[in-house]
Amino acid sequence: MALPSFTEHPAAVGESYAEHMHTASWFGWQMLLGAGACFVHALLPFLFTRTGSAKIALLHDRMVANRVKATNRHLVPAE
């Protein structure tokens, strides 16, 4: 079985390798921050009462917005 290239998935989502690395890293850090807030909230329920759900909403919005942006980029003719 052949391994996929480093650029196959980034190209499929309309990004270069570097763009995808930046975006995926940003998502990873946001998830870590959200997870940390959730663990603190589990111990101290009066802290970070909305942080976990706010991070999830942010990540969802960014992913959907980026997917639509990448799709539209291919539909708009170059000038």
C-alpha atoms as a PDB file:
ATOM      1  CA  MET A   1       0.000   0.000   0.000  1.00  0.00           C
ATOM      2  CA  ALA A   2       1.461   3.361  -1.018  1.00  0.00           C
ATOM      3  CA  LEU A   3       1.601   6.200   1.472  1.00  0.00           C
ATOM      4  CA  PRO A   4      -0.218   9.396   0.479  1.00  0.00           C
ATOM      5  CA  SER A   5       1.983  12.374  -0.318  1.00  0.00           C
ATOM      6  CA  PHE A   6       2.457  15.235   2.129  1.00  0.00           C
ATOM      7  CA  THR A   7       0.489  17.518  -0.187  1.00  0.00           C
ATOM      8  CA  GLU A   8      -2.447  15.247  -1.094  1.00  0.00           C
ATOM      9  CA  HIS A   9      -4.722  16.102   1.844  1.00  0.00           C
ATOM     10  CA  PRO A  10      -3.787  19.814   2.030  1.00  0.00           C
ATOM     11  CA  ALA A  11      -4.563  20.150  -1.687  1.00  0.00           C
ATOM     12  CA  ALA A  12      -7.892  18.384  -1.160  1.00  0.00           C
ATOM     13  CA  VAL A  13      -8.916  21.102   1.308  1.00  0.00           C
ATOM     14  CA  GLY A  14      -7.580  23.934  -0.852  1.00  0.00           C
ATOM     15  CA  GLU A  15      -4.373  24.651   1.069  1.00  0.00           C
ATOM     16  CA  SER A  16      -0.651  24.419   0.484  1.00  0.00           C
ATOM     17  CA  TYR A  17       1.390  22.210   2.807  1.00  0.00           C
ATOM     18  CA  ALA A  18       2.536  25.271   4.800  1.00  0.00           C
ATOM     19  CA  GLU A  19      -0.998  26.705   5.021  1.00  0.00           C
ATOM     20  CA  HIS A  20      -2.324  23.357   6.209  1.00  0.00           C
ATOM     21  CA  MET A  21       0.447  23.000   8.788  1.00  0.00           C
ATOM     22  CA  HIS A  22      -0.373  26.464  10.158  1.00  0.00           C
ATOM     23  CA  THR A  23      -4.131  25.826  10.229  1.00  0.00           C
ATOM     24  CA  ALA A  24      -3.830  22.341  11.755  1.00  0.00           C
ATOM     25  CA  SER A  25      -1.415  23.643  14.402  1.00  0.00           C
ATOM     26  CA  TRP A  26      -3.788  26.497  15.272  1.00  0.00           C
ATOM     27  CA  PHE A  27      -6.643  23.990  15.636  1.00  0.00           C
ATOM     28  CA  GLY A  28      -4.471  21.752  17.818  1.00  0.00           C
ATOM     29  CA  TRP A  29      -3.559  24.602  20.179  1.00  0.00           C
ATOM     30  CA  GLN A  30      -7.178  25.711  20.406  1.00  0.00           C
ATOM     31  CA  MET A  31      -8.230  22.161  21.291  1.00  0.00           C
ATOM     32  CA  LEU A  32      -5.519  21.926  23.957  1.00  0.00           C
ATOM     33  CA  LEU A  33      -6.604  25.243  25.487  1.00  0.00           C
ATOM     34  CA  GLY A  34     -10.245  24.128  25.443  1.00  0.00           C
ATOM     35  CA  ALA A  35      -9.363  20.767  26.971  1.00  0.00           C
ATOM     36  CA  GLY A  36      -7.387  22.459  29.729  1.00  0.00           C
ATOM     37  CA  ALA A  37     -10.308  24.734  30.511  1.00  0.00           C
ATOM     38  CA  CYS A  38     -12.649  21.714  30.630  1.00  0.00           C
ATOM     39  CA  PHE A  39     -10.373  19.852  33.063  1.00  0.00           C
ATOM     40  CA  VAL A  40     -10.162  22.907  35.329  1.00  0.00           C
ATOM     41  CA  HIS A  41     -13.949  23.290  35.065  1.00  0.00           C
ATOM     42  CA  ALA A  42     -14.384  19.638  36.098  1.00  0.00           C
ATOM     43  CA  LEU A  43     -12.527  20.345  39.348  1.00  0.00           C
ATOM     44  CA  LEU A  44     -13.787  23.891  39.897  1.00  0.00           C
ATOM     45  CA  PRO A  45     -17.207  24.127  38.219  1.00  0.00           C
ATOM     46  CA  PHE A  46     -17.502  27.881  38.782  1.00  0.00           C
ATOM     47  CA  LEU A  47     -14.536  28.501  36.440  1.00  0.00           C
ATOM     48  CA  PHE A  48     -14.605  28.363  32.630  1.00  0.00           C
ATOM     49  CA  THR A  49     -18.357  27.728  32.540  1.00  0.00           C
ATOM     50  CA  ARG A  50     -18.624  28.542  28.819  1.00  0.00           C
ATOM     51  CA  THR A  51     -15.070  28.143  27.546  1.00  0.00           C
ATOM     52  CA  GLY A  52     -15.397  24.547  26.309  1.00  0.00           C
ATOM     53  CA  SER A  53     -18.556  25.162  24.318  1.00  0.00           C
ATOM     54  CA  ALA A  54     -17.175  28.472  23.007  1.00  0.00           C
ATOM     55  CA  LYS A  55     -14.024  26.708  21.733  1.00  0.00           C
ATOM     56  CA  ILE A  56     -16.120  24.032  20.038  1.00  0.00           C
ATOM     57  CA  ALA A  57     -18.265  26.689  18.344  1.00  0.00           C
ATOM     58  CA  LEU A  58     -15.149  28.628  17.262  1.00  0.00           C
ATOM     59  CA  LEU A  59     -13.481  25.545  15.811  1.00  0.00           C
ATOM     60  CA  HIS A  60     -16.643  24.471  14.013  1.00  0.00           C
ATOM     61  CA  ASP A  61     -17.171  27.929  12.531  1.00  0.00           C
ATOM     62  CA  ARG A  62     -13.547  28.166  11.389  1.00  0.00           C
ATOM     63  CA  MET A  63     -13.607  24.716   9.815  1.00  0.00           C
ATOM     64  CA  VAL A  64     -16.910  25.292   7.995  1.00  0.00           C
ATOM     65  CA  ALA A  65     -15.869  28.807   6.912  1.00  0.00           C
ATOM     66  CA  ASN A  66     -12.533  27.514   5.604  1.00  0.00           C
ATOM     67  CA  ARG A  67     -14.212  24.670   3.753  1.00  0.00           C
ATOM     68  CA  VAL A  68     -16.643  27.089   2.064  1.00  0.00           C
ATOM     69  CA  LYS A  69     -13.800  29.524   1.308  1.00  0.00           C
ATOM     70  CA  ALA A  70     -11.705  26.764  -0.290  1.00  0.00           C
ATOM     71  CA  THR A  71     -14.676  25.569  -2.344  1.00  0.00           C
ATOM     72  CA  ASN A  72     -15.485  29.081  -3.530  1.00  0.00           C
ATOM     73  CA  ARG A  73     -11.836  29.755  -4.401  1.00  0.00           C
ATOM     74  CA  HIS A  74     -12.075  27.047  -7.066  1.00  0.00           C
ATOM     75  CA  LEU A  75     -15.374  28.383  -8.423  1.00  0.00           C
ATOM     76  CA  VAL A  76     -14.261  31.989  -8.962  1.00  0.00           C
ATOM     77  CA  PRO A  77     -12.489  32.452 -12.323  1.00  0.00           C
ATOM     78  CA  ALA A  78      -9.008  33.947 -12.145  1.00  0.00           C
ATOM     79  CA  GLU A  79      -8.687  37.495 -13.454  1.00  0.00           C
END
